[in-house]
Structure formats: C-alpha cells, structure tokens
Amino acid sequence: MAVSTIDRVREAEQKANEKQNAAELEAEQMIEDAKLRAEQMIEDAKKKANDFDHKAAVEAQSRADEIIRDRKEKAEQEAQALTEKTLKQKQNVINKLIQETLS
C-alpha cells in the first residue's frame, strides 16, 4: 500500500508540474501577445502623429500659397495703379507742352 501512495503522490506531483508548465507557457504567451499589442499601438500612434504632421504641413503650405496669391494680386493692383498714374502724369506733361507750344 505504501507503494501505491508514493505512486499517487508522484502522479499528483507530475500533474501539478504539467499544470504549472502549462500555466507558465500560457503566461509567456500572454506576455508576448501584450508586447505585440503594445508595439502595434506604438506603430499606430506614430502613424497618427505622422498623418497629423503631414496634414498640418499641407494646411500650412495651403495657407502660405493663399497669402502669396493675395500679396501678388495686391502688388499687381498697385503696379497697375502706379502705371496708370504715371501715364496720366506723362499725358499731363505732354498736354502742357502742347499748350505752351501753341501759346
């Protein structure tokens, strides 16, 4: 009978060891899965940050283009006004010369 008790103890120890090994393997797998999820979350966060940076850069470039267009348009209008003013001044000088010549 003593042998059967020893056998039962060994069998119980073996089952306990098997359960412990299975639990350790499961824990290792859970840790590995958690690491993979964390790495994926980091990659997703990096992608979102890059997407945000890209979007901000595109918006900034668009705004800069708009400012450049506005300033160019204003400069063209001022140049046109200056040209018209210069032409009027030249016409006035010519008219004065004509009047002085005729007088």
N, C-alpha and C. Protein backbone atom coordinates (compact mmCIF):
# COMPACT_ATOMS: atom_id res chain seq x y z
N MET A 1 0.81 -1.20 0.00
CA MET A 1 0.00 0.00 0.00
C MET A 1 0.85 1.26 0.00
N ALA A 2 2.00 1.18 0.62
CA ALA A 2 2.90 2.32 0.67
C ALA A 2 3.35 2.68 -0.73
N VAL A 3 3.53 1.71 -1.58
CA VAL A 3 3.96 1.96 -2.94
C VAL A 3 2.87 2.69 -3.71
N SER A 4 1.65 2.31 -3.51
CA SER A 4 0.58 2.98 -4.24
C SER A 4 0.41 4.42 -3.78
N THR A 5 0.66 4.73 -2.52
CA THR A 5 0.59 6.09 -2.03
C THR A 5 1.71 6.92 -2.65
N ILE A 6 2.91 6.34 -2.71
CA ILE A 6 4.03 7.03 -3.35
C ILE A 6 3.73 7.28 -4.82
N ASP A 7 3.14 6.27 -5.46
CA ASP A 7 2.78 6.43 -6.87
C ASP A 7 1.76 7.55 -7.04
N ARG A 8 0.80 7.60 -6.12
CA ARG A 8 -0.22 8.65 -6.21
C ARG A 8 0.39 10.02 -5.98
N VAL A 9 1.33 10.11 -5.05
CA VAL A 9 1.99 11.39 -4.78
C VAL A 9 2.79 11.81 -6.01
N ARG A 10 3.52 10.85 -6.59
CA ARG A 10 4.30 11.17 -7.80
C ARG A 10 3.37 11.60 -8.95
N GLU A 11 2.29 10.88 -9.08
CA GLU A 11 1.33 11.21 -10.14
C GLU A 11 0.74 12.61 -9.89
N ALA A 12 0.42 12.92 -8.65
CA ALA A 12 -0.10 14.25 -8.32
C ALA A 12 0.95 15.32 -8.59
N GLU A 13 2.22 15.00 -8.22
CA GLU A 13 3.30 15.96 -8.49
C GLU A 13 3.46 16.17 -9.99
N GLN A 14 3.38 15.08 -10.75
CA GLN A 14 3.52 15.17 -12.20
C GLN A 14 2.39 16.02 -12.78
N LYS A 15 1.18 15.80 -12.34
CA LYS A 15 0.04 16.59 -12.82
C LYS A 15 0.21 18.06 -12.43
N ALA A 16 0.68 18.28 -11.21
CA ALA A 16 0.89 19.66 -10.74
C ALA A 16 1.97 20.33 -11.58
N ASN A 17 3.04 19.58 -11.87
CA ASN A 17 4.11 20.12 -12.72
C ASN A 17 3.60 20.42 -14.12
N GLU A 18 2.79 19.51 -14.67
CA GLU A 18 2.23 19.73 -16.00
C GLU A 18 1.33 20.97 -16.02
N LYS A 19 0.51 21.10 -14.97
CA LYS A 19 -0.36 22.28 -14.88
C LYS A 19 0.47 23.55 -14.73
N GLN A 20 1.54 23.48 -13.92
CA GLN A 20 2.40 24.64 -13.74
C GLN A 20 3.09 24.99 -15.06
N ASN A 21 3.59 23.99 -15.77
CA ASN A 21 4.23 24.24 -17.06
C ASN A 21 3.24 24.85 -18.05
N ALA A 22 2.03 24.31 -18.07
CA ALA A 22 1.01 24.85 -18.97
C ALA A 22 0.68 26.29 -18.60
N ALA A 23 0.59 26.57 -17.30
CA ALA A 23 0.30 27.93 -16.84
C ALA A 23 1.44 28.87 -17.19
N GLU A 24 2.69 28.40 -17.06
CA GLU A 24 3.84 29.23 -17.41
C GLU A 24 3.86 29.52 -18.91
N LEU A 25 3.57 28.50 -19.72
CA LEU A 25 3.52 28.70 -21.17
C LEU A 25 2.41 29.69 -21.54
N GLU A 26 1.27 29.54 -20.89
CA GLU A 26 0.16 30.46 -21.15
C GLU A 26 0.53 31.89 -20.74
N ALA A 27 1.21 32.02 -19.60
CA ALA A 27 1.63 33.35 -19.14
C ALA A 27 2.64 33.95 -20.10
N GLU A 28 3.58 33.14 -20.58
CA GLU A 28 4.56 33.62 -21.54
C GLU A 28 3.88 34.08 -22.83
N GLN A 29 2.88 33.30 -23.27
CA GLN A 29 2.15 33.66 -24.48
C GLN A 29 1.36 34.96 -24.26
N MET A 30 0.78 35.11 -23.09
CA MET A 30 0.04 36.34 -22.79
C MET A 30 0.99 37.54 -22.78
N ILE A 31 2.18 37.35 -22.23
CA ILE A 31 3.17 38.44 -22.20
C ILE A 31 3.58 38.80 -23.62
N GLU A 32 3.84 37.78 -24.44
CA GLU A 32 4.23 38.02 -25.83
C GLU A 32 3.11 38.74 -26.59
N ASP A 33 1.87 38.29 -26.38
CA ASP A 33 0.73 38.95 -27.02
C ASP A 33 0.61 40.40 -26.58
N ALA A 34 0.82 40.65 -25.30
CA ALA A 34 0.74 42.02 -24.78
C ALA A 34 1.85 42.89 -25.39
N LYS A 35 3.05 42.31 -25.55
CA LYS A 35 4.14 43.05 -26.18
C LYS A 35 3.79 43.40 -27.61
N LEU A 36 3.25 42.42 -28.34
CA LEU A 36 2.87 42.66 -29.74
C LEU A 36 1.78 43.73 -29.85
N ARG A 37 0.80 43.66 -28.95
CA ARG A 37 -0.27 44.69 -28.96
C ARG A 37 0.32 46.06 -28.65
N ALA A 38 1.23 46.12 -27.68
CA ALA A 38 1.85 47.40 -27.32
C ALA A 38 2.66 47.95 -28.50
N GLU A 39 3.42 47.08 -29.18
CA GLU A 39 4.19 47.52 -30.34
C GLU A 39 3.26 48.03 -31.44
N GLN A 40 2.14 47.33 -31.65
CA GLN A 40 1.18 47.77 -32.67
C GLN A 40 0.57 49.11 -32.29
N MET A 41 0.27 49.28 -31.00
CA MET A 41 -0.29 50.55 -30.55
C MET A 41 0.72 51.68 -30.76
N ILE A 42 2.00 51.40 -30.52
CA ILE A 42 3.04 52.41 -30.73
C ILE A 42 3.12 52.77 -32.21
N GLU A 43 3.11 51.75 -33.07
CA GLU A 43 3.16 52.00 -34.51
C GLU A 43 1.94 52.80 -34.97
N ASP A 44 0.77 52.44 -34.45
CA ASP A 44 -0.45 53.18 -34.80
C ASP A 44 -0.35 54.64 -34.35
N ALA A 45 0.18 54.85 -33.15
CA ALA A 45 0.33 56.21 -32.64
C ALA A 45 1.31 57.00 -33.48
N LYS A 46 2.41 56.34 -33.90
CA LYS A 46 3.39 57.02 -34.76
C LYS A 46 2.75 57.40 -36.09
N LYS A 47 1.96 56.48 -36.64
CA LYS A 47 1.31 56.74 -37.92
C LYS A 47 0.33 57.91 -37.79
N LYS A 48 -0.43 57.92 -36.71
CA LYS A 48 -1.37 59.02 -36.50
C LYS A 48 -0.62 60.34 -36.35
N ALA A 49 0.49 60.31 -35.63
CA ALA A 49 1.29 61.53 -35.46
C ALA A 49 1.83 62.00 -36.80
N ASN A 50 2.34 61.06 -37.60
CA ASN A 50 2.85 61.42 -38.93
C ASN A 50 1.73 61.96 -39.81
N ASP A 51 0.56 61.31 -39.75
CA ASP A 51 -0.58 61.78 -40.54
C ASP A 51 -0.96 63.20 -40.11
N PHE A 52 -0.95 63.44 -38.79
CA PHE A 52 -1.29 64.76 -38.28
C PHE A 52 -0.26 65.78 -38.74
N ASP A 53 1.04 65.41 -38.63
CA ASP A 53 2.10 66.32 -39.08
C ASP A 53 1.96 66.63 -40.57
N HIS A 54 1.66 65.60 -41.34
CA HIS A 54 1.50 65.80 -42.79
C HIS A 54 0.32 66.72 -43.06
N LYS A 55 -0.78 66.48 -42.37
CA LYS A 55 -1.97 67.31 -42.57
C LYS A 55 -1.67 68.76 -42.19
N ALA A 56 -0.98 68.94 -41.08
CA ALA A 56 -0.63 70.30 -40.64
C ALA A 56 0.30 70.97 -41.66
N ALA A 57 1.23 70.20 -42.21
CA ALA A 57 2.15 70.76 -43.21
C ALA A 57 1.39 71.15 -44.48
N VAL A 58 0.46 70.31 -44.89
CA VAL A 58 -0.34 70.61 -46.09
C VAL A 58 -1.18 71.87 -45.85
N GLU A 59 -1.78 71.96 -44.67
CA GLU A 59 -2.58 73.15 -44.35
C GLU A 59 -1.71 74.40 -44.31
N ALA A 60 -0.52 74.29 -43.74
CA ALA A 60 0.38 75.44 -43.66
C ALA A 60 0.82 75.85 -45.07
N GLN A 61 1.12 74.89 -45.92
CA GLN A 61 1.51 75.20 -47.30
C GLN A 61 0.36 75.85 -48.05
N SER A 62 -0.83 75.35 -47.83
CA SER A 62 -2.01 75.92 -48.49
C SER A 62 -2.22 77.37 -48.05
N ARG A 63 -2.07 77.62 -46.76
CA ARG A 63 -2.22 78.98 -46.23
C ARG A 63 -1.13 79.89 -46.80
N ALA A 64 0.10 79.37 -46.87
CA ALA A 64 1.20 80.16 -47.42
C ALA A 64 0.93 80.50 -48.89
N ASP A 65 0.44 79.52 -49.63
CA ASP A 65 0.10 79.76 -51.04
C ASP A 65 -0.98 80.84 -51.17
N GLU A 66 -1.96 80.78 -50.27
CA GLU A 66 -3.04 81.77 -50.29
C GLU A 66 -2.50 83.17 -50.00
N ILE A 67 -1.62 83.27 -49.02
CA ILE A 67 -1.02 84.57 -48.67
C ILE A 67 -0.20 85.09 -49.85
N ILE A 68 0.57 84.21 -50.47
CA ILE A 68 1.38 84.62 -51.63
C ILE A 68 0.48 85.11 -52.76
N ARG A 69 -0.61 84.39 -53.04
CA ARG A 69 -1.54 84.82 -54.09
C ARG A 69 -2.14 86.19 -53.77
N ASP A 70 -2.55 86.37 -52.51
CA ASP A 70 -3.13 87.65 -52.11
C ASP A 70 -2.12 88.79 -52.27
N ARG A 71 -0.91 88.57 -51.82
CA ARG A 71 0.12 89.62 -51.91
C ARG A 71 0.49 89.91 -53.37
N LYS A 72 0.54 88.87 -54.17
CA LYS A 72 0.84 89.05 -55.59
C LYS A 72 -0.26 89.87 -56.26
N GLU A 73 -1.50 89.52 -55.94
CA GLU A 73 -2.63 90.25 -56.52
C GLU A 73 -2.59 91.72 -56.09
N LYS A 74 -2.31 91.96 -54.82
CA LYS A 74 -2.24 93.33 -54.32
C LYS A 74 -1.10 94.09 -55.00
N ALA A 75 0.06 93.43 -55.16
CA ALA A 75 1.19 94.08 -55.81
C ALA A 75 0.87 94.40 -57.27
N GLU A 76 0.18 93.48 -57.94
CA GLU A 76 -0.21 93.73 -59.33
C GLU A 76 -1.18 94.91 -59.43
N GLN A 77 -2.11 94.98 -58.49
CA GLN A 77 -3.06 96.10 -58.48
C GLN A 77 -2.33 97.41 -58.24
N GLU A 78 -1.39 97.41 -57.29
CA GLU A 78 -0.63 98.62 -57.01
C GLU A 78 0.23 99.02 -58.21
N ALA A 79 0.80 98.03 -58.86
CA ALA A 79 1.62 98.32 -60.05
C ALA A 79 0.74 98.89 -61.16
N GLN A 80 -0.44 98.33 -61.32
CA GLN A 80 -1.36 98.84 -62.33
C GLN A 80 -1.77 100.28 -62.02
N ALA A 81 -2.08 100.55 -60.76
CA ALA A 81 -2.46 101.90 -60.36
C ALA A 81 -1.30 102.87 -60.58
N LEU A 82 -0.09 102.45 -60.24
CA LEU A 82 1.09 103.28 -60.44
C LEU A 82 1.32 103.54 -61.93
N THR A 83 1.14 102.53 -62.75
CA THR A 83 1.30 102.68 -64.19
C THR A 83 0.28 103.68 -64.74
N GLU A 84 -0.96 103.54 -64.29
CA GLU A 84 -2.00 104.48 -64.74
C GLU A 84 -1.67 105.90 -64.29
N LYS A 85 -1.19 106.04 -63.06
CA LYS A 85 -0.84 107.37 -62.54
C LYS A 85 0.31 107.96 -63.36
N THR A 86 1.30 107.13 -63.66
CA THR A 86 2.44 107.59 -64.45
C THR A 86 2.00 108.01 -65.85
N LEU A 87 1.13 107.21 -66.43
CA LEU A 87 0.61 107.54 -67.76
C LEU A 87 -0.15 108.87 -67.74
N LYS A 88 -0.94 109.10 -66.71
CA LYS A 88 -1.69 110.36 -66.60
C LYS A 88 -0.72 111.53 -66.45
N GLN A 89 0.32 111.33 -65.62
CA GLN A 89 1.30 112.40 -65.44
C GLN A 89 2.01 112.71 -66.75
N LYS A 90 2.36 111.68 -67.51
CA LYS A 90 3.01 111.89 -68.80
C LYS A 90 2.07 112.62 -69.75
N GLN A 91 0.81 112.22 -69.74
CA GLN A 91 -0.18 112.86 -70.61
C GLN A 91 -0.34 114.34 -70.23
N ASN A 92 -0.34 114.60 -68.92
CA ASN A 92 -0.46 115.98 -68.46
C ASN A 92 0.75 116.81 -68.91
N VAL A 93 1.95 116.23 -68.79
CA VAL A 93 3.15 116.93 -69.23
C VAL A 93 3.07 117.21 -70.73
N ILE A 94 2.66 116.22 -71.50
CA ILE A 94 2.53 116.38 -72.96
C ILE A 94 1.51 117.47 -73.27
N ASN A 95 0.39 117.42 -72.58
CA ASN A 95 -0.67 118.43 -72.82
C ASN A 95 -0.15 119.83 -72.48
N LYS A 96 0.60 119.97 -71.37
CA LYS A 96 1.17 121.27 -71.01
C LYS A 96 2.15 121.74 -72.07
N LEU A 97 2.99 120.84 -72.54
CA LEU A 97 3.94 121.21 -73.59
C LEU A 97 3.23 121.65 -74.85
N ILE A 98 2.17 120.94 -75.18
CA ILE A 98 1.39 121.31 -76.37
C ILE A 98 0.79 122.68 -76.18
N GLN A 99 0.19 122.93 -75.00
CA GLN A 99 -0.42 124.24 -74.73
C GLN A 99 0.62 125.34 -74.76
N GLU A 100 1.79 125.09 -74.18
CA GLU A 100 2.84 126.11 -74.19
C GLU A 100 3.34 126.34 -75.61
N THR A 101 3.40 125.28 -76.36
CA THR A 101 3.84 125.41 -77.74
C THR A 101 2.82 126.21 -78.56
N LEU A 102 1.58 125.99 -78.34
CA LEU A 102 0.51 126.68 -79.09
C LEU A 102 0.33 128.13 -78.61
N SER A 103 0.75 128.41 -77.42
CA SER A 103 0.53 129.76 -76.88
C SER A 103 1.50 130.75 -77.38
